[in-house]
């Protein structure tokens, strides 16, 4: 007999009709968060580093990747400050996915984000080092701990994890829970938060609403960006279920460019004007969702098992 749902035990299959329903603060059914990326791309990564193969370039020839480095350096030098000004003008909070090396090399950016009470999200060591199944369990654990501890020394408070380029293995959710993380943003299989078997909360990441994924890799014209965000919000707000989440991923070297920033402004102005939308940081949403999922009576596969709740309660 064919097993129902996925061919793994990382989390159970959860068809929507079987799920418990919950609301965000203010009785709102839909929440949104903005995920700003502060990343460092190494010109010459370590020999054993693995990079997302969608980003091809000199990295694969073994020579310094000046071209990719320069594009991304623009984000830290110019684009990020443009995005911060926009977030200030609209009075919007943000979560910040930050590499350890980026935090070390750009203290002025980290200070600017921290002064705005933005929230750090651990984002690996660098944009050139992706979690991959080529790693042993010990190597993957060491990678997670190095990223966690390196960021904590500079900008404490990260409770969430986003793997660089969403790199993950069958061990990742367990290792993240064991390392003290409360939520992960690597799984693009839902519009609602749910619990992995490890107790780690899965937050819907900015998959289709990520600028690099949509505009750079899929070549969607940037003029379509505001409509993509608007259409997603329109649909989620029109549906009767609660607990929905829309993440918006912003890379400063992309939407922080002078010819693109107007489209980010249009999309965020629309987001800020929605009365029925709860806008918060990823960590705030994850804490609300965890409390709701653990408090609701068992109504389907997304409600955690007792052993999951015990794991979630561990420090």
C-alpha atoms as a PDB file:
ATOM      1  CA  UNK A   1       0.000   0.000   0.000  1.00  0.00           C
ATOM      2  CA  UNK A   2       1.411   3.401  -0.980  1.00  0.00           C
ATOM      3  CA  UNK A   3       2.134   5.667   1.974  1.00  0.00           C
ATOM      4  CA  UNK A   4       0.013   8.798   2.132  1.00  0.00           C
ATOM      5  CA  UNK A   5       1.679  12.124   1.545  1.00  0.00           C
ATOM      6  CA  UNK A   6       5.436  12.738   1.348  1.00  0.00           C
ATOM      7  CA  UNK A   7       8.137  10.097   1.106  1.00  0.00           C
ATOM      8  CA  UNK A   8       9.875  11.321   4.255  1.00  0.00           C
ATOM      9  CA  UNK A   9       9.224  11.626   7.986  1.00  0.00           C
ATOM     10  CA  UNK A  10      10.316  15.266   8.410  1.00  0.00           C
ATOM     11  CA  UNK A  11       6.696  16.330   8.872  1.00  0.00           C
ATOM     12  CA  UNK A  12       3.279  14.694   8.383  1.00  0.00           C
ATOM     13  CA  UNK A  13       1.049  15.275   5.386  1.00  0.00           C
ATOM     14  CA  UNK A  14      -1.627  17.858   6.179  1.00  0.00           C
ATOM     15  CA  UNK A  15      -4.460  18.426   3.699  1.00  0.00           C
ATOM     16  CA  UNK A  16      -6.045  21.795   4.303  1.00  0.00           C
ATOM     17  CA  UNK A  17      -9.567  20.670   5.333  1.00  0.00           C
ATOM     18  CA  UNK A  18      -8.154  18.661   8.260  1.00  0.00           C
ATOM     19  CA  UNK A  19      -6.274  21.531   9.845  1.00  0.00           C
ATOM     20  CA  UNK A  20      -7.066  23.603  12.921  1.00  0.00           C
ATOM     21  CA  UNK A  21      -7.767  27.266  12.213  1.00  0.00           C
ATOM     22  CA  UNK A  22      -6.404  30.264  14.090  1.00  0.00           C
ATOM     23  CA  UNK A  23      -6.249  34.053  13.807  1.00  0.00           C
ATOM     24  CA  UNK A  24      -3.386  36.512  14.027  1.00  0.00           C
ATOM     25  CA  UNK A  25      -3.442  39.409  16.530  1.00  0.00           C
ATOM     26  CA  UNK A  26      -6.345  41.772  16.007  1.00  0.00           C
ATOM     27  CA  UNK A  27      -8.501  38.929  14.726  1.00  0.00           C
ATOM     28  CA  UNK A  28      -6.807  39.065  11.330  1.00  0.00           C
ATOM     29  CA  UNK A  29      -6.697  35.984   9.122  1.00  0.00           C
ATOM     30  CA  UNK A  30      -3.613  36.931   7.078  1.00  0.00           C
ATOM     31  CA  UNK A  31      -0.169  38.094   8.170  1.00  0.00           C
ATOM     32  CA  UNK A  32       2.842  39.334   6.225  1.00  0.00           C
ATOM     33  CA  UNK A  33       6.516  39.857   6.925  1.00  0.00           C
ATOM     34  CA  UNK A  34       9.347  41.508   5.003  1.00  0.00           C
ATOM     35  CA  UNK A  35      12.635  39.609   4.831  1.00  0.00           C
ATOM     36  CA  UNK A  36      15.605  41.822   4.006  1.00  0.00           C
ATOM     37  CA  UNK A  37      18.760  39.940   2.989  1.00  0.00           C
ATOM     38  CA  UNK A  38      22.198  41.092   4.091  1.00  0.00           C
ATOM     39  CA  UNK A  39      24.653  38.663   2.523  1.00  0.00           C
ATOM     40  CA  UNK A  40      28.362  38.367   1.849  1.00  0.00           C
ATOM     41  CA  UNK A  41      29.516  36.584  -1.303  1.00  0.00           C
ATOM     42  CA  UNK A  42      33.119  35.446  -1.131  1.00  0.00           C
ATOM     43  CA  UNK A  43      35.336  36.201  -4.099  1.00  0.00           C
ATOM     44  CA  UNK A  44      37.196  32.951  -3.503  1.00  0.00           C
ATOM     45  CA  UNK A  45      35.152  30.541  -1.322  1.00  0.00           C
ATOM     46  CA  UNK A  46      36.736  27.542   0.417  1.00  0.00           C
ATOM     47  CA  UNK A  47      37.489  24.612  -1.857  1.00  0.00           C
ATOM     48  CA  UNK A  48      34.780  22.449  -0.252  1.00  0.00           C
ATOM     49  CA  UNK A  49      32.051  25.129  -0.438  1.00  0.00           C
ATOM     50  CA  UNK A  50      28.913  24.345  -2.426  1.00  0.00           C
ATOM     51  CA  UNK A  51      26.948  27.083  -4.167  1.00  0.00           C
ATOM     52  CA  UNK A  52      23.466  26.986  -5.671  1.00  0.00           C
ATOM     53  CA  UNK A  53      24.046  25.784  -9.271  1.00  0.00           C
ATOM     54  CA  UNK A  54      21.461  28.268 -10.555  1.00  0.00           C
ATOM     55  CA  UNK A  55      24.069  30.978 -10.017  1.00  0.00           C
ATOM     56  CA  UNK A  56      26.666  30.073 -12.581  1.00  0.00           C
ATOM     57  CA  UNK A  57      29.812  32.094 -13.131  1.00  0.00           C
ATOM     58  CA  UNK A  58      33.500  32.189 -12.413  1.00  0.00           C
ATOM     59  CA  UNK A  59      32.864  30.375  -9.131  1.00  0.00           C
ATOM     60  CA  UNK A  60      32.630  27.142 -11.121  1.00  0.00           C
ATOM     61  CA  UNK A  61      35.959  27.678 -12.900  1.00  0.00           C
ATOM     62  CA  UNK A  62      37.963  27.983  -9.713  1.00  0.00           C
ATOM     63  CA  UNK A  63      38.905  31.613 -10.392  1.00  0.00           C
ATOM     64  CA  UNK A  64      37.824  34.601  -8.262  1.00  0.00           C
ATOM     65  CA  UNK A  65      34.208  35.463  -9.017  1.00  0.00           C
ATOM     66  CA  UNK A  66      34.573  39.223  -9.291  1.00  0.00           C
ATOM     67  CA  UNK A  67      31.396  39.693 -11.321  1.00  0.00           C
ATOM     68  CA  UNK A  68      29.009  38.052  -8.834  1.00  0.00           C
ATOM     69  CA  UNK A  69      30.816  39.630  -5.908  1.00  0.00           C
ATOM     70  CA  UNK A  70      30.480  43.119  -7.396  1.00  0.00           C
ATOM     71  CA  UNK A  71      26.734  42.787  -8.013  1.00  0.00           C
ATOM     72  CA  UNK A  72      26.089  41.738  -4.446  1.00  0.00           C
ATOM     73  CA  UNK A  73      28.495  44.270  -2.973  1.00  0.00           C
ATOM     74  CA  UNK A  74      26.256  46.948  -4.489  1.00  0.00           C
ATOM     75  CA  UNK A  75      23.512  45.851  -2.111  1.00  0.00           C
ATOM     76  CA  UNK A  76      25.603  46.496   0.990  1.00  0.00           C
ATOM     77  CA  UNK A  77      27.139  49.743  -0.306  1.00  0.00           C
ATOM     78  CA  UNK A  78      24.043  51.392  -1.793  1.00  0.00           C
ATOM     79  CA  UNK A  79      20.879  49.306  -2.153  1.00  0.00           C
ATOM     80  CA  UNK A  80      20.349  48.426   1.510  1.00  0.00           C
ATOM     81  CA  UNK A  81      20.311  52.078   2.556  1.00  0.00           C
ATOM     82  CA  UNK A  82      17.688  52.842  -0.074  1.00  0.00           C
ATOM     83  CA  UNK A  83      15.524  49.999   1.241  1.00  0.00           C
ATOM     84  CA  UNK A  84      15.972  51.127   4.846  1.00  0.00           C
ATOM     85  CA  UNK A  85      14.849  54.639   3.914  1.00  0.00           C
ATOM     86  CA  UNK A  86      11.731  53.169   2.306  1.00  0.00           C
ATOM     87  CA  UNK A  87      10.919  51.009   5.343  1.00  0.00           C
ATOM     88  CA  UNK A  88      11.362  54.077   7.554  1.00  0.00           C
ATOM     89  CA  UNK A  89       9.012  56.138   5.399  1.00  0.00           C
ATOM     90  CA  UNK A  90       6.314  53.465   5.538  1.00  0.00           C
ATOM     91  CA  UNK A  91       6.977  52.618   9.221  1.00  0.00           C
ATOM     92  CA  UNK A  92       7.262  48.901   8.426  1.00  0.00           C
ATOM     93  CA  UNK A  93       9.115  46.289  10.500  1.00  0.00           C
ATOM     94  CA  UNK A  94      11.483  43.802   8.907  1.00  0.00           C
ATOM     95  CA  UNK A  95      13.279  40.578   9.597  1.00  0.00           C
ATOM     96  CA  UNK A  96      16.846  40.431   8.324  1.00  0.00           C
ATOM     97  CA  UNK A  97      18.373  37.248   6.928  1.00  0.00           C
ATOM     98  CA  UNK A  98      22.056  37.797   7.585  1.00  0.00           C
ATOM     99  CA  UNK A  99      25.153  35.673   6.944  1.00  0.00           C
ATOM    100  CA  UNK A 100      27.771  35.525   9.673  1.00  0.00           C
ATOM    101  CA  UNK A 101      30.418  36.928   7.323  1.00  0.00           C
ATOM    102  CA  UNK A 102      28.071  39.759   6.306  1.00  0.00           C
ATOM    103  CA  UNK A 103      27.502  40.637   9.964  1.00  0.00           C
ATOM    104  CA  UNK A 104      31.261  40.692  10.539  1.00  0.00           C
ATOM    105  CA  UNK A 105      32.046  42.789   7.472  1.00  0.00           C
ATOM    106  CA  UNK A 106      29.178  45.292   7.606  1.00  0.00           C
ATOM    107  CA  UNK A 107      28.785  46.431  11.224  1.00  0.00           C
ATOM    108  CA  UNK A 108      27.268  49.728  10.054  1.00  0.00           C
ATOM    109  CA  UNK A 109      24.399  47.884   8.367  1.00  0.00           C
ATOM    110  CA  UNK A 110      23.837  45.617  11.355  1.00  0.00           C
ATOM    111  CA  UNK A 111      23.777  48.638  13.669  1.00  0.00           C
ATOM    112  CA  UNK A 112      21.288  50.398  11.396  1.00  0.00           C
ATOM    113  CA  UNK A 113      18.955  47.388  11.395  1.00  0.00           C
ATOM    114  CA  UNK A 114      19.289  46.769  15.130  1.00  0.00           C
ATOM    115  CA  UNK A 115      18.570  50.442  15.902  1.00  0.00           C
ATOM    116  CA  UNK A 116      15.253  50.042  14.073  1.00  0.00           C
ATOM    117  CA  UNK A 117      14.366  47.013  16.244  1.00  0.00           C
ATOM    118  CA  UNK A 118      14.482  44.761  13.216  1.00  0.00           C
ATOM    119  CA  UNK A 119      14.918  41.053  13.882  1.00  0.00           C
ATOM    120  CA  UNK A 120      17.913  38.918  12.842  1.00  0.00           C
ATOM    121  CA  UNK A 121      17.380  35.597  11.066  1.00  0.00           C
ATOM    122  CA  UNK A 122      20.433  33.327  10.874  1.00  0.00           C
ATOM    123  CA  UNK A 123      21.301  32.795   7.209  1.00  0.00           C
ATOM    124  CA  UNK A 124      24.301  30.510   7.214  1.00  0.00           C
ATOM    125  CA  UNK A 125      27.932  31.564   7.008  1.00  0.00           C
ATOM    126  CA  UNK A 126      28.072  33.220   3.585  1.00  0.00           C
ATOM    127  CA  UNK A 127      26.199  33.372   0.296  1.00  0.00           C
ATOM    128  CA  UNK A 128      28.870  31.078  -1.139  1.00  0.00           C
ATOM    129  CA  UNK A 129      28.372  28.216   1.345  1.00  0.00           C
ATOM    130  CA  UNK A 130      25.180  26.218   1.047  1.00  0.00           C
ATOM    131  CA  UNK A 131      24.014  23.343   3.245  1.00  0.00           C
ATOM    132  CA  UNK A 132      24.118  20.242   1.066  1.00  0.00           C
ATOM    133  CA  UNK A 133      23.696  16.472   1.310  1.00  0.00           C
ATOM    134  CA  UNK A 134      27.416  16.232   0.554  1.00  0.00           C
ATOM    135  CA  UNK A 135      27.949  17.198   4.188  1.00  0.00           C
ATOM    136  CA  UNK A 136      28.134  14.629   6.932  1.00  0.00           C
ATOM    137  CA  UNK A 137      25.852  15.147   9.903  1.00  0.00           C
ATOM    138  CA  UNK A 138      28.793  16.418  11.937  1.00  0.00           C
ATOM    139  CA  UNK A 139      29.722  18.903   9.208  1.00  0.00           C
ATOM    140  CA  UNK A 140      26.172  20.165   8.885  1.00  0.00           C
ATOM    141  CA  UNK A 141      25.832  20.562  12.657  1.00  0.00           C
ATOM    142  CA  UNK A 142      29.120  22.463  12.781  1.00  0.00           C
ATOM    143  CA  UNK A 143      27.945  24.752   9.961  1.00  0.00           C
ATOM    144  CA  UNK A 144      24.704  25.571  11.807  1.00  0.00           C
ATOM    145  CA  UNK A 145      26.461  26.189  15.111  1.00  0.00           C
ATOM    146  CA  UNK A 146      29.146  28.368  13.524  1.00  0.00           C
ATOM    147  CA  UNK A 147      26.474  30.481  11.852  1.00  0.00           C
ATOM    148  CA  UNK A 148      24.374  30.660  15.025  1.00  0.00           C
ATOM    149  CA  UNK A 149      27.217  31.578  17.364  1.00  0.00           C
ATOM    150  CA  UNK A 150      28.968  33.939  14.962  1.00  0.00           C
ATOM    151  CA  UNK A 151      25.813  35.980  14.438  1.00  0.00           C
ATOM    152  CA  UNK A 152      24.897  35.921  18.141  1.00  0.00           C
ATOM    153  CA  UNK A 153      28.200  37.571  19.050  1.00  0.00           C
ATOM    154  CA  UNK A 154      27.360  40.510  16.783  1.00  0.00           C
ATOM    155  CA  UNK A 155      23.554  40.693  16.711  1.00  0.00           C
ATOM    156  CA  UNK A 156      21.894  38.483  19.350  1.00  0.00           C
ATOM    157  CA  UNK A 157      18.297  37.336  19.228  1.00  0.00           C
ATOM    158  CA  UNK A 158      17.946  35.199  16.114  1.00  0.00           C
ATOM    159  CA  UNK A 159      15.290  32.536  16.699  1.00  0.00           C
ATOM    160  CA  UNK A 160      14.781  31.743  13.012  1.00  0.00           C
ATOM    161  CA  UNK A 161      16.915  30.108  10.346  1.00  0.00           C
ATOM    162  CA  UNK A 162      16.960  30.450   6.573  1.00  0.00           C
ATOM    163  CA  UNK A 163      19.434  28.198   4.835  1.00  0.00           C
ATOM    164  CA  UNK A 164      21.515  29.907   2.192  1.00  0.00           C
ATOM    165  CA  UNK A 165      19.571  29.345  -1.045  1.00  0.00           C
ATOM    166  CA  UNK A 166      17.226  27.191   1.113  1.00  0.00           C
ATOM    167  CA  UNK A 167      19.833  24.446   1.237  1.00  0.00           C
ATOM    168  CA  UNK A 168      18.714  21.607   3.510  1.00  0.00           C
ATOM    169  CA  UNK A 169      19.018  17.874   4.100  1.00  0.00           C
ATOM    170  CA  UNK A 170      16.782  15.307   5.772  1.00  0.00           C
ATOM    171  CA  UNK A 171      18.601  16.162   9.024  1.00  0.00           C
ATOM    172  CA  UNK A 172      18.325  19.938   8.924  1.00  0.00           C
ATOM    173  CA  UNK A 173      15.064  20.503  10.812  1.00  0.00           C
ATOM    174  CA  UNK A 174      16.204  18.189  13.611  1.00  0.00           C
ATOM    175  CA  UNK A 175      19.639  19.825  13.840  1.00  0.00           C
ATOM    176  CA  UNK A 176      18.083  23.288  13.914  1.00  0.00           C
ATOM    177  CA  UNK A 177      15.718  22.297  16.738  1.00  0.00           C
ATOM    178  CA  UNK A 178      18.618  20.748  18.657  1.00  0.00           C
ATOM    179  CA  UNK A 179      20.584  23.975  18.138  1.00  0.00           C
ATOM    180  CA  UNK A 180      17.843  26.044  19.770  1.00  0.00           C
ATOM    181  CA  UNK A 181      16.137  27.547  16.738  1.00  0.00           C
ATOM    182  CA  UNK A 182      12.370  28.004  16.969  1.00  0.00           C
ATOM    183  CA  UNK A 183      11.482  28.279  13.286  1.00  0.00           C
ATOM    184  CA  UNK A 184      12.849  27.649   9.819  1.00  0.00           C
ATOM    185  CA  UNK A 185      12.108  29.265   6.460  1.00  0.00           C
ATOM    186  CA  UNK A 186      13.352  26.549   4.109  1.00  0.00           C
ATOM    187  CA  UNK A 187      10.077  24.828   3.182  1.00  0.00           C
ATOM    188  CA  UNK A 188       7.959  26.432   0.461  1.00  0.00           C
ATOM    189  CA  UNK A 189       5.136  23.867   0.617  1.00  0.00           C
ATOM    190  CA  UNK A 190       2.461  25.838   2.480  1.00  0.00           C
ATOM    191  CA  UNK A 191       0.682  29.149   3.066  1.00  0.00           C
ATOM    192  CA  UNK A 192       0.377  28.416   6.807  1.00  0.00           C
ATOM    193  CA  UNK A 193       2.901  27.680   9.561  1.00  0.00           C
ATOM    194  CA  UNK A 194       3.112  24.057  10.692  1.00  0.00           C
ATOM    195  CA  UNK A 195       5.279  21.936  12.971  1.00  0.00           C
ATOM    196  CA  UNK A 196       7.964  19.576  11.760  1.00  0.00           C
ATOM    197  CA  UNK A 197       8.301  16.277  13.618  1.00  0.00           C
ATOM    198  CA  UNK A 198      11.364  17.756  15.369  1.00  0.00           C
ATOM    199  CA  UNK A 199       9.240  20.520  16.905  1.00  0.00           C
ATOM    200  CA  UNK A 200      10.765  23.182  14.642  1.00  0.00           C
ATOM    201  CA  UNK A 201       8.083  25.491  13.273  1.00  0.00           C
ATOM    202  CA  UNK A 202       7.990  25.824   9.478  1.00  0.00           C
ATOM    203  CA  UNK A 203       7.197  29.394   8.429  1.00  0.00           C
ATOM    204  CA  UNK A 204       6.089  29.973   4.820  1.00  0.00           C
ATOM    205  CA  UNK A 205       9.130  31.552   3.153  1.00  0.00           C
ATOM    206  CA  UNK A 206       9.108  34.243   0.458  1.00  0.00           C
ATOM    207  CA  UNK A 207       9.297  31.652  -2.309  1.00  0.00           C
ATOM    208  CA  UNK A 208       7.312  33.183  -5.182  1.00  0.00           C
ATOM    209  CA  UNK A 209       7.564  36.630  -3.557  1.00  0.00           C
ATOM    210  CA  UNK A 210      11.373  36.659  -3.450  1.00  0.00           C
ATOM    211  CA  UNK A 211      12.938  39.193  -5.806  1.00  0.00           C
ATOM    212  CA  UNK A 212      15.958  37.106  -6.833  1.00  0.00           C
ATOM    213  CA  UNK A 213      13.865  33.989  -7.375  1.00  0.00           C
ATOM    214  CA  UNK A 214      11.233  35.808  -9.432  1.00  0.00           C
ATOM    215  CA  UNK A 215      12.992  38.701 -11.145  1.00  0.00           C
ATOM    216  CA  UNK A 216      16.560  37.416 -11.570  1.00  0.00           C
ATOM    217  CA  UNK A 217      16.227  33.672 -12.034  1.00  0.00           C
ATOM    218  CA  UNK A 218      12.789  33.473 -13.666  1.00  0.00           C
ATOM    219  CA  UNK A 219      13.208  36.729 -15.612  1.00  0.00           C
ATOM    220  CA  UNK A 220       9.792  38.101 -14.658  1.00  0.00           C
ATOM    221  CA  UNK A 221       9.804  41.811 -15.635  1.00  0.00           C
ATOM    222  CA  UNK A 222      10.243  44.038 -12.590  1.00  0.00           C
ATOM    223  CA  UNK A 223       7.213  46.068 -13.678  1.00  0.00           C
ATOM    224  CA  UNK A 224       5.112  43.036 -12.671  1.00  0.00           C
ATOM    225  CA  UNK A 225       6.376  43.012  -9.076  1.00  0.00           C
ATOM    226  CA  UNK A 226       3.694  45.214  -7.439  1.00  0.00           C
ATOM    227  CA  UNK A 227       0.924  43.222  -9.129  1.00  0.00           C
ATOM    228  CA  UNK A 228       2.418  39.911  -7.968  1.00  0.00           C
ATOM    229  CA  UNK A 229       2.322  41.059  -4.345  1.00  0.00           C
ATOM    230  CA  UNK A 230      -1.113  42.637  -4.757  1.00  0.00           C
ATOM    231  CA  UNK A 231      -2.593  39.520  -6.374  1.00  0.00           C
ATOM    232  CA  UNK A 232      -1.244  37.267  -3.624  1.00  0.00           C
ATOM    233  CA  UNK A 233      -2.649  39.513  -0.891  1.00  0.00           C
ATOM    234  CA  UNK A 234      -5.994  39.838  -2.650  1.00  0.00           C
ATOM    235  CA  UNK A 235      -6.380  36.076  -2.871  1.00  0.00           C
ATOM    236  CA  UNK A 236      -5.257  35.274   0.684  1.00  0.00           C
ATOM    237  CA  UNK A 237      -7.477  37.978   2.180  1.00  0.00           C
ATOM    238  CA  UNK A 238     -10.463  36.730   0.171  1.00  0.00           C
ATOM    239  CA  UNK A 239     -10.152  33.165   1.480  1.00  0.00           C
ATOM    240  CA  UNK A 240     -12.015  32.261   4.679  1.00  0.00           C
ATOM    241  CA  UNK A 241      -9.177  30.469   6.501  1.00  0.00           C
ATOM    242  CA  UNK A 242      -6.969  32.044   9.129  1.00  0.00           C
ATOM    243  CA  UNK A 243      -3.295  31.516   9.815  1.00  0.00           C
ATOM    244  CA  UNK A 244      -2.157  32.505   6.314  1.00  0.00           C
ATOM    245  CA  UNK A 245       1.259  34.116   5.834  1.00  0.00           C
ATOM    246  CA  UNK A 246       2.872  36.026   2.979  1.00  0.00           C
ATOM    247  CA  UNK A 247       6.625  36.571   3.141  1.00  0.00           C
ATOM    248  CA  UNK A 248       8.295  39.129   0.873  1.00  0.00           C
ATOM    249  CA  UNK A 249      11.994  38.615   0.179  1.00  0.00           C
ATOM    250  CA  UNK A 250      14.104  41.683  -0.637  1.00  0.00           C
ATOM    251  CA  UNK A 251      17.740  41.538  -1.745  1.00  0.00           C
ATOM    252  CA  UNK A 252      19.222  45.063  -1.741  1.00  0.00           C
ATOM    253  CA  UNK A 253      21.291  44.435  -4.860  1.00  0.00           C
ATOM    254  CA  UNK A 254      18.053  43.664  -6.712  1.00  0.00           C
ATOM    255  CA  UNK A 255      15.122  45.787  -5.523  1.00  0.00           C
ATOM    256  CA  UNK A 256      17.471  48.368  -4.029  1.00  0.00           C
ATOM    257  CA  UNK A 257      18.695  49.354  -7.496  1.00  0.00           C
ATOM    258  CA  UNK A 258      17.571  52.818  -8.669  1.00  0.00           C
ATOM    259  CA  UNK A 259      15.456  51.513 -11.548  1.00  0.00           C
ATOM    260  CA  UNK A 260      13.705  48.905  -9.348  1.00  0.00           C
ATOM    261  CA  UNK A 261      13.124  50.629  -6.007  1.00  0.00           C
ATOM    262  CA  UNK A 262       9.922  52.314  -7.232  1.00  0.00           C
ATOM    263  CA  UNK A 263       8.316  48.893  -7.715  1.00  0.00           C
ATOM    264  CA  UNK A 264       9.261  47.824  -4.204  1.00  0.00           C
ATOM    265  CA  UNK A 265       7.799  51.101  -2.938  1.00  0.00           C
ATOM    266  CA  UNK A 266       4.527  50.491  -4.770  1.00  0.00           C
ATOM    267  CA  UNK A 267       4.184  46.973  -3.390  1.00  0.00           C
ATOM    268  CA  UNK A 268       4.987  47.979   0.195  1.00  0.00           C
ATOM    269  CA  UNK A 269       2.678  50.991   0.055  1.00  0.00           C
ATOM    270  CA  UNK A 270      -0.122  48.619  -0.893  1.00  0.00           C
ATOM    271  CA  UNK A 271       0.852  46.220   1.897  1.00  0.00           C
ATOM    272  CA  UNK A 272       0.940  49.007   4.492  1.00  0.00           C
ATOM    273  CA  UNK A 273      -2.518  50.211   3.477  1.00  0.00           C
ATOM    274  CA  UNK A 274      -4.323  46.870   4.043  1.00  0.00           C
ATOM    275  CA  UNK A 275      -6.564  47.119   7.120  1.00  0.00           C
ATOM    276  CA  UNK A 276      -7.159  43.377   7.327  1.00  0.00           C
ATOM    277  CA  UNK A 277      -3.464  42.449   7.259  1.00  0.00           C
ATOM    278  CA  UNK A 278      -1.210  41.862  10.272  1.00  0.00           C
ATOM    279  CA  UNK A 279       2.370  42.937   9.494  1.00  0.00           C
ATOM    280  CA  UNK A 280       5.075  41.812  11.904  1.00  0.00           C
ATOM    281  CA  UNK A 281       8.514  40.210  12.006  1.00  0.00           C
ATOM    282  CA  UNK A 282       8.938  36.555  11.187  1.00  0.00           C
ATOM    283  CA  UNK A 283       9.855  35.720  14.776  1.00  0.00           C
ATOM    284  CA  UNK A 284       6.754  37.404  16.183  1.00  0.00           C
ATOM    285  CA  UNK A 285       4.573  35.490  13.748  1.00  0.00           C
ATOM    286  CA  UNK A 286       6.326  32.218  14.547  1.00  0.00           C
ATOM    287  CA  UNK A 287       5.795  32.670  18.293  1.00  0.00           C
ATOM    288  CA  UNK A 288       2.092  33.401  17.757  1.00  0.00           C
ATOM    289  CA  UNK A 289       1.686  30.416  15.435  1.00  0.00           C
ATOM    290  CA  UNK A 290       3.483  28.022  17.775  1.00  0.00           C
ATOM    291  CA  UNK A 291       1.285  29.023  20.707  1.00  0.00           C
ATOM    292  CA  UNK A 292      -1.833  28.650  18.574  1.00  0.00           C
ATOM    293  CA  UNK A 293      -0.887  25.256  17.139  1.00  0.00           C
ATOM    294  CA  UNK A 294       0.048  23.838  20.538  1.00  0.00           C
ATOM    295  CA  UNK A 295      -3.114  25.222  22.162  1.00  0.00           C
ATOM    296  CA  UNK A 296      -5.710  24.150  19.614  1.00  0.00           C
ATOM    297  CA  UNK A 297      -7.434  20.772  20.002  1.00  0.00           C
ATOM    298  CA  UNK A 298      -6.219  18.062  17.674  1.00  0.00           C
ATOM    299  CA  UNK A 299      -8.066  18.540  14.398  1.00  0.00           C
ATOM    300  CA  UNK A 300      -5.697  17.140  11.814  1.00  0.00           C
ATOM    301  CA  UNK A 301      -2.174  16.266  10.902  1.00  0.00           C
ATOM    302  CA  UNK A 302      -0.745  19.737  11.566  1.00  0.00           C
ATOM    303  CA  UNK A 303      -1.578  19.538  15.272  1.00  0.00           C
ATOM    304  CA  UNK A 304       1.609  18.364  16.997  1.00  0.00           C
ATOM    305  CA  UNK A 305       1.835  14.990  18.659  1.00  0.00           C
ATOM    306  CA  UNK A 306       2.655  14.979  22.399  1.00  0.00           C
ATOM    307  CA  UNK A 307       6.267  14.105  21.673  1.00  0.00           C
ATOM    308  CA  UNK A 308       6.442  17.083  19.285  1.00  0.00           C
ATOM    309  CA  UNK A 309       5.101  19.419  21.965  1.00  0.00           C
ATOM    310  CA  UNK A 310       7.672  18.083  24.428  1.00  0.00           C
ATOM    311  CA  UNK A 311      10.448  18.780  21.979  1.00  0.00           C
ATOM    312  CA  UNK A 312       9.077  22.271  21.270  1.00  0.00           C
ATOM    313  CA  UNK A 313       9.057  23.055  25.008  1.00  0.00           C
ATOM    314  CA  UNK A 314      12.728  22.209  25.447  1.00  0.00           C
ATOM    315  CA  UNK A 315      15.040  25.215  25.856  1.00  0.00           C
END
